[in-house]
Protein backbone atom coordinates (compact mmCIF):
# COMPACT_ATOMS: atom_id res chain seq x y z
CA UNK A 1 -21.47 3.34 8.30
CA UNK A 2 -20.80 7.61 9.02
CA UNK A 3 -22.67 10.18 8.17
CA UNK A 4 -21.34 13.45 6.87
CA UNK A 5 -23.10 17.00 5.68
CA UNK A 6 -25.47 16.88 8.37
CA UNK A 7 -24.33 20.54 9.12
CA UNK A 8 -26.57 23.45 7.37
CA UNK A 9 -24.49 26.42 8.09
CA UNK A 10 -21.42 25.00 6.24
CA UNK A 11 -20.13 22.81 3.95
CA UNK A 12 -18.34 19.44 5.18
CA UNK A 13 -17.06 18.03 1.83
CA UNK A 14 -14.54 15.13 3.98
CA UNK A 15 -15.95 11.90 5.37
CA UNK A 16 -13.67 12.71 8.55
CA UNK A 17 -14.80 16.12 9.08
CA UNK A 18 -17.02 15.86 12.41
CA UNK A 19 -18.28 12.40 11.79
CA UNK A 20 -16.14 10.30 14.16
CA UNK A 21 -14.55 8.36 10.92
CA UNK A 22 -10.66 8.77 12.01
CA UNK A 23 -11.41 7.73 15.68
CA UNK A 24 -13.28 4.65 14.56
CA UNK A 25 -10.40 3.59 11.89
CA UNK A 26 -7.57 4.02 14.95
CA UNK A 27 -9.58 2.10 16.71
CA UNK A 28 -10.50 -0.37 14.64
CA UNK A 29 -6.12 -0.62 13.52
CA UNK A 30 -7.17 0.39 10.03
CA UNK A 31 -3.57 1.32 8.18
CA UNK A 32 -4.95 1.50 4.73
CA UNK A 33 -7.59 3.48 2.86
CA UNK A 34 -9.63 2.43 -0.16
CA UNK A 35 -11.37 5.74 -1.92
CA UNK A 36 -13.69 6.30 -4.46
CA UNK A 37 -17.34 8.62 -4.77
CA UNK A 38 -18.66 11.92 -5.72
CA UNK A 39 -16.88 14.01 -6.38
CA UNK A 40 -13.30 13.97 -7.11
CA UNK A 41 -12.85 17.16 -7.38
CA UNK A 42 -14.41 18.26 -3.82
CA UNK A 43 -15.38 15.68 -1.05
CA UNK A 44 -13.18 12.71 -2.06
CA UNK A 45 -10.01 15.33 -3.05
CA UNK A 46 -11.09 16.72 0.49
CA UNK A 47 -11.25 12.68 2.17
CA UNK A 48 -8.28 11.76 0.74
CA UNK A 49 -5.98 14.13 1.90
CA UNK A 50 -7.62 14.29 5.32
CA UNK A 51 -6.63 10.46 5.43
CA UNK A 52 -2.98 10.90 4.56
CA UNK A 53 -2.69 13.62 7.03
CA UNK A 54 -3.95 11.24 9.44
CA UNK A 55 -1.14 9.07 8.38
CA UNK A 56 -3.26 6.78 6.42
CA UNK A 57 -2.45 4.59 3.29
CA UNK A 58 -4.16 5.44 0.74
CA UNK A 59 -5.61 3.96 -2.72
CA UNK A 60 -7.92 6.13 -5.02
CA UNK A 61 -10.16 3.68 -6.93
CA UNK A 62 -9.56 5.99 -10.12
CA UNK A 63 -12.62 3.91 -11.85
CA UNK A 64 -14.64 4.40 -8.97
CA UNK A 65 -14.67 8.65 -9.13
CA UNK A 66 -15.65 11.13 -11.01
CA UNK A 67 -15.34 14.54 -10.78
CA UNK A 68 -17.61 17.98 -10.95
CA UNK A 69 -15.67 19.77 -13.47
CA UNK A 70 -13.01 17.56 -15.83
CA UNK A 71 -9.81 20.47 -15.38
CA UNK A 72 -10.16 20.93 -11.51
CA UNK A 73 -10.42 17.01 -11.14
CA UNK A 74 -7.34 16.35 -13.11
CA UNK A 75 -5.88 18.97 -10.54
CA UNK A 76 -7.52 17.07 -7.62
CA UNK A 77 -5.79 13.93 -8.76
CA UNK A 78 -2.51 15.60 -9.10
CA UNK A 79 -2.90 16.94 -5.66
CA UNK A 80 -3.33 13.67 -4.05
CA UNK A 81 -0.47 11.93 -5.96
CA UNK A 82 1.77 14.67 -4.79
CA UNK A 83 0.51 14.47 -1.32
CA UNK A 84 1.28 10.41 -1.17
CA UNK A 85 -1.74 8.81 -2.32
CA UNK A 86 -1.63 5.70 -5.02
CA UNK A 87 -4.17 5.50 -8.46
CA UNK A 88 -5.23 2.18 -8.77
CA UNK A 89 -7.72 1.03 -11.28
């Protein structure tokens, strides 16, 4: 279990940001990450992009996420796919 969003002075959108999650995945030899959650266009986007930059094979579970804004969600989905994430249902 990881805890994010514990800083009061700034947002922490990514599950990788100052949580130790990335280090734990390396320690556990995880190579593929399945992602979902809220919101697709904010926290999910930040987490997926960080996971991809860390070299993980990312599968976004489309039916397991929703966006705060429909248009931003569409653009976020395009950005993740362009960066290498696979979208599954």
